[in-house]
């Protein structure tokens, strides 16, 4: 009887469909926040915050009033400081949220139609230029614009507005020429700007042997949906970066097939990773 009385006294809340939806939404938000924190410098900071909270709890248990007073006065200032310190990471997280297809399917601000996508001739010209430059160890950084406009980065360079050809790209990146330093931005079938400055990635996953050109290519892929091609000046190898993912030393046919595959459709990180996995299964050196 005692067990029955105990069970009858328990309060079991009624769960409605709205409660279930709220639980799912909160779980998804918390999961994505934790994934975002783990992939940024905030992960080390989070561990530091946990240590501070533990010390604060110890101070509360031991009634250390001075420490508790200092902690209470610094909480509001600390929140503002965190926002300032992690402004780049917060901006990147919001940009990635805006790139989600669930959002862009309803909100279509500043996006281009498919009529401006690059053609097969442009694909062939880009691929040919990359491997011809790689053969003579000429470094290059080529950004192919997709749905997100790259005008912010285009303004940092010099306007070109020329039809994409392999000769034009090779001439731009030729050593000791005025336009060889920086990135080229391609919109549709035209080179719109050269010597553009790109944001550098602060990812700790990138190989230390890769230099600034690869960090810039990876950086622009982290904040936009562009396809970025990098030709190493040291090794002559060609790499491709999409959505914060980098494939190093990709062969010519694989690069051409990927550009053809994405020529008339949106490129998302999921399909890029699946394609990358197929390359791994084929024994490619990635």
C-alpha atoms as a PDB file:
ATOM      1  CA  UNK A   1       0.000   0.000   0.000  1.00  0.00           C
ATOM      2  CA  UNK A   2       2.866   2.404   0.733  1.00  0.00           C
ATOM      3  CA  UNK A   3       4.166   2.091  -2.830  1.00  0.00           C
ATOM      4  CA  UNK A   4       0.692   2.685  -4.255  1.00  0.00           C
ATOM      5  CA  UNK A   5       0.241   5.743  -2.060  1.00  0.00           C
ATOM      6  CA  UNK A   6       3.615   7.062  -3.173  1.00  0.00           C
ATOM      7  CA  UNK A   7       2.820   6.554  -6.849  1.00  0.00           C
ATOM      8  CA  UNK A   8      -0.602   8.163  -6.463  1.00  0.00           C
ATOM      9  CA  UNK A   9       0.995  11.220  -4.873  1.00  0.00           C
ATOM     10  CA  UNK A  10       3.368  11.749  -7.810  1.00  0.00           C
ATOM     11  CA  UNK A  11       2.470  14.576 -10.155  1.00  0.00           C
ATOM     12  CA  UNK A  12       2.677  13.538 -13.792  1.00  0.00           C
ATOM     13  CA  UNK A  13       2.288  16.560 -16.062  1.00  0.00           C
ATOM     14  CA  UNK A  14       0.138  16.321 -19.145  1.00  0.00           C
ATOM     15  CA  UNK A  15       2.176  16.637 -22.341  1.00  0.00           C
ATOM     16  CA  UNK A  16       0.458  18.208 -25.326  1.00  0.00           C
ATOM     17  CA  UNK A  17       1.586  18.443 -28.942  1.00  0.00           C
ATOM     18  CA  UNK A  18       2.783  22.012 -28.365  1.00  0.00           C
ATOM     19  CA  UNK A  19       5.027  20.774 -25.544  1.00  0.00           C
ATOM     20  CA  UNK A  20       6.533  18.117 -27.801  1.00  0.00           C
ATOM     21  CA  UNK A  21       7.176  20.699 -30.539  1.00  0.00           C
ATOM     22  CA  UNK A  22       8.825  23.028 -28.023  1.00  0.00           C
ATOM     23  CA  UNK A  23      11.054  20.219 -26.728  1.00  0.00           C
ATOM     24  CA  UNK A  24      12.150  19.326 -30.273  1.00  0.00           C
ATOM     25  CA  UNK A  25      12.887  22.964 -31.170  1.00  0.00           C
ATOM     26  CA  UNK A  26      14.858  23.568 -27.965  1.00  0.00           C
ATOM     27  CA  UNK A  27      16.807  20.320 -28.442  1.00  0.00           C
ATOM     28  CA  UNK A  28      17.710  21.253 -32.034  1.00  0.00           C
ATOM     29  CA  UNK A  29      18.770  24.763 -30.999  1.00  0.00           C
ATOM     30  CA  UNK A  30      20.903  23.508 -28.102  1.00  0.00           C
ATOM     31  CA  UNK A  31      22.521  20.843 -30.309  1.00  0.00           C
ATOM     32  CA  UNK A  32      23.399  23.337 -33.051  1.00  0.00           C
ATOM     33  CA  UNK A  33      24.729  25.837 -30.509  1.00  0.00           C
ATOM     34  CA  UNK A  34      26.961  23.150 -28.979  1.00  0.00           C
ATOM     35  CA  UNK A  35      28.205  22.088 -32.434  1.00  0.00           C
ATOM     36  CA  UNK A  36      28.927  25.732 -33.288  1.00  0.00           C
ATOM     37  CA  UNK A  37      30.766  26.264 -30.000  1.00  0.00           C
ATOM     38  CA  UNK A  38      32.850  23.116 -30.479  1.00  0.00           C
ATOM     39  CA  UNK A  39      33.971  24.230 -33.946  1.00  0.00           C
ATOM     40  CA  UNK A  40      35.106  27.680 -32.807  1.00  0.00           C
ATOM     41  CA  UNK A  41      37.435  29.221 -30.261  1.00  0.00           C
ATOM     42  CA  UNK A  42      34.416  29.439 -27.944  1.00  0.00           C
ATOM     43  CA  UNK A  43      34.974  25.790 -26.971  1.00  0.00           C
ATOM     44  CA  UNK A  44      38.052  26.630 -24.897  1.00  0.00           C
ATOM     45  CA  UNK A  45      36.236  29.634 -23.449  1.00  0.00           C
ATOM     46  CA  UNK A  46      33.267  27.470 -22.494  1.00  0.00           C
ATOM     47  CA  UNK A  47      35.546  25.178 -20.500  1.00  0.00           C
ATOM     48  CA  UNK A  48      36.967  28.253 -18.777  1.00  0.00           C
ATOM     49  CA  UNK A  49      33.451  29.467 -17.944  1.00  0.00           C
ATOM     50  CA  UNK A  50      32.612  26.066 -16.450  1.00  0.00           C
ATOM     51  CA  UNK A  51      35.674  26.334 -14.183  1.00  0.00           C
ATOM     52  CA  UNK A  52      34.629  29.846 -13.079  1.00  0.00           C
ATOM     53  CA  UNK A  53      31.088  28.620 -12.346  1.00  0.00           C
ATOM     54  CA  UNK A  54      32.489  25.767 -10.240  1.00  0.00           C
ATOM     55  CA  UNK A  55      34.571  28.230  -8.217  1.00  0.00           C
ATOM     56  CA  UNK A  56      31.486  30.440  -7.798  1.00  0.00           C
ATOM     57  CA  UNK A  57      29.489  27.481  -6.476  1.00  0.00           C
ATOM     58  CA  UNK A  58      32.278  26.673  -4.041  1.00  0.00           C
ATOM     59  CA  UNK A  59      32.285  30.309  -2.927  1.00  0.00           C
ATOM     60  CA  UNK A  60      28.512  30.141  -2.436  1.00  0.00           C
ATOM     61  CA  UNK A  61      28.719  26.958  -0.374  1.00  0.00           C
ATOM     62  CA  UNK A  62      31.520  28.391   1.787  1.00  0.00           C
ATOM     63  CA  UNK A  63      29.763  31.783   1.942  1.00  0.00           C
ATOM     64  CA  UNK A  64      32.762  33.702   0.590  1.00  0.00           C
ATOM     65  CA  UNK A  65      30.961  37.024   0.323  1.00  0.00           C
ATOM     66  CA  UNK A  66      33.713  39.073  -1.312  1.00  0.00           C
ATOM     67  CA  UNK A  67      34.133  36.600  -4.176  1.00  0.00           C
ATOM     68  CA  UNK A  68      30.355  36.386  -4.623  1.00  0.00           C
ATOM     69  CA  UNK A  69      30.116  40.199  -4.725  1.00  0.00           C
ATOM     70  CA  UNK A  70      32.848  40.410  -7.391  1.00  0.00           C
ATOM     71  CA  UNK A  71      31.177  37.677  -9.440  1.00  0.00           C
ATOM     72  CA  UNK A  72      27.767  39.378  -9.312  1.00  0.00           C
ATOM     73  CA  UNK A  73      29.243  42.708 -10.468  1.00  0.00           C
ATOM     74  CA  UNK A  74      31.129  41.205 -13.402  1.00  0.00           C
ATOM     75  CA  UNK A  75      28.335  39.071 -14.888  1.00  0.00           C
ATOM     76  CA  UNK A  76      26.714  41.887 -16.895  1.00  0.00           C
ATOM     77  CA  UNK A  77      30.081  43.188 -18.085  1.00  0.00           C
ATOM     78  CA  UNK A  78      31.175  39.660 -18.976  1.00  0.00           C
ATOM     79  CA  UNK A  79      28.161  39.081 -21.232  1.00  0.00           C
ATOM     80  CA  UNK A  80      28.921  42.240 -23.204  1.00  0.00           C
ATOM     81  CA  UNK A  81      32.597  41.262 -23.390  1.00  0.00           C
ATOM     82  CA  UNK A  82      31.694  37.832 -24.798  1.00  0.00           C
ATOM     83  CA  UNK A  83      29.608  39.415 -27.553  1.00  0.00           C
ATOM     84  CA  UNK A  84      32.518  41.708 -28.488  1.00  0.00           C
ATOM     85  CA  UNK A  85      35.165  38.972 -28.359  1.00  0.00           C
ATOM     86  CA  UNK A  86      33.162  36.497 -30.422  1.00  0.00           C
ATOM     87  CA  UNK A  87      31.672  38.984 -32.884  1.00  0.00           C
ATOM     88  CA  UNK A  88      33.283  37.228 -35.914  1.00  0.00           C
ATOM     89  CA  UNK A  89      32.011  33.815 -34.796  1.00  0.00           C
ATOM     90  CA  UNK A  90      28.501  35.158 -34.114  1.00  0.00           C
ATOM     91  CA  UNK A  91      28.434  36.845 -37.510  1.00  0.00           C
ATOM     92  CA  UNK A  92      29.551  33.631 -39.190  1.00  0.00           C
ATOM     93  CA  UNK A  93      26.857  31.644 -37.373  1.00  0.00           C
ATOM     94  CA  UNK A  94      24.147  34.076 -38.520  1.00  0.00           C
ATOM     95  CA  UNK A  95      25.491  33.972 -42.085  1.00  0.00           C
ATOM     96  CA  UNK A  96      25.388  30.175 -42.059  1.00  0.00           C
ATOM     97  CA  UNK A  97      21.823  30.316 -40.717  1.00  0.00           C
ATOM     98  CA  UNK A  98      20.856  32.605 -43.576  1.00  0.00           C
ATOM     99  CA  UNK A  99      22.341  30.130 -46.060  1.00  0.00           C
ATOM    100  CA  UNK A 100      20.082  27.293 -44.920  1.00  0.00           C
ATOM    101  CA  UNK A 101      17.733  26.203 -47.682  1.00  0.00           C
ATOM    102  CA  UNK A 102      14.800  26.284 -45.267  1.00  0.00           C
ATOM    103  CA  UNK A 103      15.348  30.022 -44.940  1.00  0.00           C
ATOM    104  CA  UNK A 104      16.412  30.900 -48.491  1.00  0.00           C
ATOM    105  CA  UNK A 105      13.396  29.118 -49.931  1.00  0.00           C
ATOM    106  CA  UNK A 106      11.199  31.796 -48.328  1.00  0.00           C
ATOM    107  CA  UNK A 107      13.603  34.739 -48.295  1.00  0.00           C
ATOM    108  CA  UNK A 108      15.315  35.503 -51.580  1.00  0.00           C
ATOM    109  CA  UNK A 109      17.026  38.828 -50.921  1.00  0.00           C
ATOM    110  CA  UNK A 110      20.174  39.543 -52.937  1.00  0.00           C
ATOM    111  CA  UNK A 111      20.241  36.228 -54.771  1.00  0.00           C
ATOM    112  CA  UNK A 112      20.721  35.635 -58.482  1.00  0.00           C
ATOM    113  CA  UNK A 113      18.693  33.616 -60.886  1.00  0.00           C
ATOM    114  CA  UNK A 114      20.042  30.537 -62.632  1.00  0.00           C
ATOM    115  CA  UNK A 115      20.412  32.479 -65.892  1.00  0.00           C
ATOM    116  CA  UNK A 116      23.693  33.929 -64.557  1.00  0.00           C
ATOM    117  CA  UNK A 117      25.301  30.604 -63.735  1.00  0.00           C
ATOM    118  CA  UNK A 118      28.532  29.665 -65.439  1.00  0.00           C
ATOM    119  CA  UNK A 119      28.511  27.646 -68.659  1.00  0.00           C
ATOM    120  CA  UNK A 120      30.380  24.528 -69.761  1.00  0.00           C
ATOM    121  CA  UNK A 121      32.858  26.703 -71.657  1.00  0.00           C
ATOM    122  CA  UNK A 122      33.623  28.553 -68.438  1.00  0.00           C
ATOM    123  CA  UNK A 123      34.110  25.253 -66.607  1.00  0.00           C
ATOM    124  CA  UNK A 124      36.585  24.060 -69.216  1.00  0.00           C
ATOM    125  CA  UNK A 125      38.426  27.386 -69.196  1.00  0.00           C
ATOM    126  CA  UNK A 126      38.757  27.413 -65.405  1.00  0.00           C
ATOM    127  CA  UNK A 127      39.892  23.799 -65.174  1.00  0.00           C
ATOM    128  CA  UNK A 128      42.407  24.212 -67.999  1.00  0.00           C
ATOM    129  CA  UNK A 129      43.817  27.394 -66.456  1.00  0.00           C
ATOM    130  CA  UNK A 130      44.167  25.838 -63.006  1.00  0.00           C
ATOM    131  CA  UNK A 131      46.175  22.843 -64.178  1.00  0.00           C
ATOM    132  CA  UNK A 132      48.278  24.816 -66.642  1.00  0.00           C
ATOM    133  CA  UNK A 133      49.196  27.203 -63.824  1.00  0.00           C
ATOM    134  CA  UNK A 134      49.839  24.286 -61.504  1.00  0.00           C
ATOM    135  CA  UNK A 135      52.225  22.744 -64.029  1.00  0.00           C
ATOM    136  CA  UNK A 136      54.458  25.838 -63.868  1.00  0.00           C
ATOM    137  CA  UNK A 137      53.901  26.483 -60.125  1.00  0.00           C
ATOM    138  CA  UNK A 138      51.889  29.670 -60.546  1.00  0.00           C
ATOM    139  CA  UNK A 139      49.701  30.342 -57.524  1.00  0.00           C
ATOM    140  CA  UNK A 140      46.044  31.244 -58.083  1.00  0.00           C
ATOM    141  CA  UNK A 141      42.879  31.895 -56.100  1.00  0.00           C
ATOM    142  CA  UNK A 142      39.602  31.750 -58.053  1.00  0.00           C
ATOM    143  CA  UNK A 143      36.203  32.349 -56.426  1.00  0.00           C
ATOM    144  CA  UNK A 144      33.088  31.309 -58.371  1.00  0.00           C
ATOM    145  CA  UNK A 145      30.019  33.180 -57.167  1.00  0.00           C
ATOM    146  CA  UNK A 146      26.800  31.258 -56.687  1.00  0.00           C
ATOM    147  CA  UNK A 147      23.592  32.485 -55.033  1.00  0.00           C
ATOM    148  CA  UNK A 148      25.170  34.820 -52.494  1.00  0.00           C
ATOM    149  CA  UNK A 149      26.471  38.019 -54.045  1.00  0.00           C
ATOM    150  CA  UNK A 150      30.161  38.720 -53.459  1.00  0.00           C
ATOM    151  CA  UNK A 151      30.000  42.476 -54.035  1.00  0.00           C
ATOM    152  CA  UNK A 152      31.487  43.137 -50.591  1.00  0.00           C
ATOM    153  CA  UNK A 153      34.684  41.330 -51.625  1.00  0.00           C
ATOM    154  CA  UNK A 154      34.490  42.487 -55.236  1.00  0.00           C
ATOM    155  CA  UNK A 155      34.840  46.098 -54.068  1.00  0.00           C
ATOM    156  CA  UNK A 156      38.203  45.298 -52.437  1.00  0.00           C
ATOM    157  CA  UNK A 157      39.739  44.487 -55.826  1.00  0.00           C
ATOM    158  CA  UNK A 158      40.056  45.966 -59.315  1.00  0.00           C
ATOM    159  CA  UNK A 159      37.188  45.719 -61.797  1.00  0.00           C
ATOM    160  CA  UNK A 160      37.929  43.510 -64.797  1.00  0.00           C
ATOM    161  CA  UNK A 161      34.582  42.544 -66.419  1.00  0.00           C
ATOM    162  CA  UNK A 162      36.039  40.177 -68.984  1.00  0.00           C
ATOM    163  CA  UNK A 163      34.814  36.912 -70.477  1.00  0.00           C
ATOM    164  CA  UNK A 164      36.289  33.909 -68.671  1.00  0.00           C
ATOM    165  CA  UNK A 165      39.029  32.283 -70.724  1.00  0.00           C
ATOM    166  CA  UNK A 166      41.984  30.206 -69.681  1.00  0.00           C
ATOM    167  CA  UNK A 167      44.347  32.778 -71.227  1.00  0.00           C
ATOM    168  CA  UNK A 168      42.807  35.620 -69.211  1.00  0.00           C
ATOM    169  CA  UNK A 169      43.099  33.722 -65.925  1.00  0.00           C
ATOM    170  CA  UNK A 170      46.689  32.662 -66.637  1.00  0.00           C
ATOM    171  CA  UNK A 171      47.653  36.235 -67.532  1.00  0.00           C
ATOM    172  CA  UNK A 172      46.047  37.624 -64.379  1.00  0.00           C
ATOM    173  CA  UNK A 173      48.005  35.295 -62.084  1.00  0.00           C
ATOM    174  CA  UNK A 174      51.279  35.511 -64.002  1.00  0.00           C
ATOM    175  CA  UNK A 175      54.186  36.398 -61.695  1.00  0.00           C
ATOM    176  CA  UNK A 176      55.052  40.086 -61.340  1.00  0.00           C
ATOM    177  CA  UNK A 177      51.899  41.307 -63.091  1.00  0.00           C
ATOM    178  CA  UNK A 178      49.757  44.050 -61.474  1.00  0.00           C
ATOM    179  CA  UNK A 179      46.740  41.763 -60.887  1.00  0.00           C
ATOM    180  CA  UNK A 180      48.410  38.539 -59.732  1.00  0.00           C
ATOM    181  CA  UNK A 181      48.144  39.227 -55.986  1.00  0.00           C
ATOM    182  CA  UNK A 182      44.793  38.387 -54.421  1.00  0.00           C
ATOM    183  CA  UNK A 183      41.709  36.555 -55.647  1.00  0.00           C
ATOM    184  CA  UNK A 184      39.701  36.589 -58.849  1.00  0.00           C
ATOM    185  CA  UNK A 185      35.903  36.628 -58.565  1.00  0.00           C
ATOM    186  CA  UNK A 186      33.856  35.019 -61.337  1.00  0.00           C
ATOM    187  CA  UNK A 187      30.161  35.796 -61.789  1.00  0.00           C
ATOM    188  CA  UNK A 188      28.447  33.719 -64.412  1.00  0.00           C
ATOM    189  CA  UNK A 189      30.742  33.636 -67.439  1.00  0.00           C
ATOM    190  CA  UNK A 190      32.698  36.784 -66.602  1.00  0.00           C
ATOM    191  CA  UNK A 191      35.659  37.717 -64.447  1.00  0.00           C
ATOM    192  CA  UNK A 192      34.245  40.676 -62.532  1.00  0.00           C
ATOM    193  CA  UNK A 193      37.237  41.598 -60.361  1.00  0.00           C
ATOM    194  CA  UNK A 194      40.823  40.689 -59.536  1.00  0.00           C
ATOM    195  CA  UNK A 195      43.236  41.306 -56.622  1.00  0.00           C
ATOM    196  CA  UNK A 196      40.319  40.888 -54.205  1.00  0.00           C
ATOM    197  CA  UNK A 197      40.918  40.420 -50.486  1.00  0.00           C
ATOM    198  CA  UNK A 198      39.239  37.447 -48.819  1.00  0.00           C
ATOM    199  CA  UNK A 199      38.681  36.660 -45.119  1.00  0.00           C
ATOM    200  CA  UNK A 200      41.176  34.195 -43.680  1.00  0.00           C
ATOM    201  CA  UNK A 201      39.879  31.052 -42.006  1.00  0.00           C
ATOM    202  CA  UNK A 202      40.795  30.574 -38.363  1.00  0.00           C
ATOM    203  CA  UNK A 203      40.017  26.859 -38.507  1.00  0.00           C
ATOM    204  CA  UNK A 204      42.416  24.670 -36.565  1.00  0.00           C
ATOM    205  CA  UNK A 205      41.658  21.696 -38.829  1.00  0.00           C
ATOM    206  CA  UNK A 206      43.522  23.058 -41.846  1.00  0.00           C
ATOM    207  CA  UNK A 207      46.895  21.483 -42.545  1.00  0.00           C
ATOM    208  CA  UNK A 208      49.727  23.612 -41.176  1.00  0.00           C
ATOM    209  CA  UNK A 209      51.648  23.043 -44.400  1.00  0.00           C
ATOM    210  CA  UNK A 210      49.017  25.028 -46.331  1.00  0.00           C
ATOM    211  CA  UNK A 211      49.587  28.753 -46.556  1.00  0.00           C
ATOM    212  CA  UNK A 212      47.623  32.000 -46.646  1.00  0.00           C
ATOM    213  CA  UNK A 213      46.141  31.328 -50.093  1.00  0.00           C
ATOM    214  CA  UNK A 214      44.439  28.160 -48.829  1.00  0.00           C
ATOM    215  CA  UNK A 215      43.267  29.890 -45.640  1.00  0.00           C
ATOM    216  CA  UNK A 216      41.729  32.657 -47.738  1.00  0.00           C
ATOM    217  CA  UNK A 217      40.015  30.147 -50.018  1.00  0.00           C
ATOM    218  CA  UNK A 218      38.656  28.252 -47.038  1.00  0.00           C
ATOM    219  CA  UNK A 219      37.680  31.497 -45.296  1.00  0.00           C
ATOM    220  CA  UNK A 220      35.472  32.757 -48.139  1.00  0.00           C
ATOM    221  CA  UNK A 221      33.831  29.332 -48.350  1.00  0.00           C
ATOM    222  CA  UNK A 222      32.940  29.534 -44.647  1.00  0.00           C
ATOM    223  CA  UNK A 223      30.973  32.780 -44.981  1.00  0.00           C
ATOM    224  CA  UNK A 224      29.483  32.376 -48.487  1.00  0.00           C
ATOM    225  CA  UNK A 225      28.186  29.606 -50.742  1.00  0.00           C
ATOM    226  CA  UNK A 226      30.897  30.215 -53.342  1.00  0.00           C
ATOM    227  CA  UNK A 227      33.124  27.581 -54.933  1.00  0.00           C
ATOM    228  CA  UNK A 228      36.789  28.441 -54.406  1.00  0.00           C
ATOM    229  CA  UNK A 229      39.684  26.970 -56.363  1.00  0.00           C
ATOM    230  CA  UNK A 230      43.231  27.251 -55.049  1.00  0.00           C
ATOM    231  CA  UNK A 231      46.405  26.535 -57.003  1.00  0.00           C
ATOM    232  CA  UNK A 232      49.452  26.113 -54.778  1.00  0.00           C
ATOM    233  CA  UNK A 233      52.523  28.084 -55.782  1.00  0.00           C
ATOM    234  CA  UNK A 234      54.773  25.694 -53.826  1.00  0.00           C
ATOM    235  CA  UNK A 235      53.443  22.322 -55.028  1.00  0.00           C
ATOM    236  CA  UNK A 236      51.351  23.153 -58.090  1.00  0.00           C
ATOM    237  CA  UNK A 237      48.444  21.128 -56.666  1.00  0.00           C
ATOM    238  CA  UNK A 238      44.836  22.248 -57.064  1.00  0.00           C
ATOM    239  CA  UNK A 239      42.366  22.379 -54.162  1.00  0.00           C
ATOM    240  CA  UNK A 240      38.653  23.176 -53.916  1.00  0.00           C
ATOM    241  CA  UNK A 241      36.821  24.717 -50.936  1.00  0.00           C
ATOM    242  CA  UNK A 242      33.055  24.750 -50.375  1.00  0.00           C
ATOM    243  CA  UNK A 243      31.096  25.431 -47.188  1.00  0.00           C
ATOM    244  CA  UNK A 244      34.154  25.355 -44.944  1.00  0.00           C
ATOM    245  CA  UNK A 245      35.280  22.020 -46.431  1.00  0.00           C
ATOM    246  CA  UNK A 246      38.596  21.717 -48.288  1.00  0.00           C
ATOM    247  CA  UNK A 247      39.676  19.009 -50.722  1.00  0.00           C
ATOM    248  CA  UNK A 248      43.414  19.184 -51.299  1.00  0.00           C
ATOM    249  CA  UNK A 249      45.143  17.885 -54.433  1.00  0.00           C
ATOM    250  CA  UNK A 250      42.072  17.150 -56.540  1.00  0.00           C
ATOM    251  CA  UNK A 251      42.628  15.711 -60.007  1.00  0.00           C
ATOM    252  CA  UNK A 252      41.485  17.397 -63.215  1.00  0.00           C
ATOM    253  CA  UNK A 253      38.604  15.076 -64.106  1.00  0.00           C
ATOM    254  CA  UNK A 254      37.153  15.142 -60.601  1.00  0.00           C
ATOM    255  CA  UNK A 255      37.248  18.940 -60.538  1.00  0.00           C
ATOM    256  CA  UNK A 256      35.593  19.203 -63.943  1.00  0.00           C
ATOM    257  CA  UNK A 257      32.863  16.734 -62.971  1.00  0.00           C
ATOM    258  CA  UNK A 258      32.141  18.629 -59.781  1.00  0.00           C
ATOM    259  CA  UNK A 259      31.876  21.984 -61.527  1.00  0.00           C
ATOM    260  CA  UNK A 260      29.638  20.445 -64.195  1.00  0.00           C
ATOM    261  CA  UNK A 261      27.532  18.817 -61.504  1.00  0.00           C
ATOM    262  CA  UNK A 262      26.921  22.147 -59.770  1.00  0.00           C
ATOM    263  CA  UNK A 263      26.684  24.298 -62.892  1.00  0.00           C
ATOM    264  CA  UNK A 264      22.883  24.482 -62.998  1.00  0.00           C
ATOM    265  CA  UNK A 265      21.987  23.706 -59.457  1.00  0.00           C
ATOM    266  CA  UNK A 266      22.665  24.937 -55.931  1.00  0.00           C
ATOM    267  CA  UNK A 267      25.696  23.440 -54.220  1.00  0.00           C
ATOM    268  CA  UNK A 268      25.180  22.511 -50.589  1.00  0.00           C
ATOM    269  CA  UNK A 269      27.676  21.221 -48.069  1.00  0.00           C
ATOM    270  CA  UNK A 270      25.881  17.880 -47.711  1.00  0.00           C
ATOM    271  CA  UNK A 271      26.199  17.003 -51.415  1.00  0.00           C
ATOM    272  CA  UNK A 272      29.798  18.241 -51.361  1.00  0.00           C
ATOM    273  CA  UNK A 273      30.642  15.896 -48.467  1.00  0.00           C
ATOM    274  CA  UNK A 274      28.921  12.966 -50.184  1.00  0.00           C
ATOM    275  CA  UNK A 275      30.957  13.651 -53.326  1.00  0.00           C
ATOM    276  CA  UNK A 276      34.079  13.948 -51.207  1.00  0.00           C
ATOM    277  CA  UNK A 277      33.276  10.560 -49.679  1.00  0.00           C
ATOM    278  CA  UNK A 278      32.999   9.026 -53.147  1.00  0.00           C
ATOM    279  CA  UNK A 279      36.444  10.374 -53.964  1.00  0.00           C
ATOM    280  CA  UNK A 280      37.787   8.748 -50.802  1.00  0.00           C
ATOM    281  CA  UNK A 281      36.245   5.437 -51.788  1.00  0.00           C
ATOM    282  CA  UNK A 282      37.890   5.714 -55.190  1.00  0.00           C
ATOM    283  CA  UNK A 283      41.263   6.004 -53.499  1.00  0.00           C
ATOM    284  CA  UNK A 284      41.916   9.670 -54.195  1.00  0.00           C
ATOM    285  CA  UNK A 285      44.530  11.549 -52.203  1.00  0.00           C
ATOM    286  CA  UNK A 286      42.488  14.115 -50.319  1.00  0.00           C
END
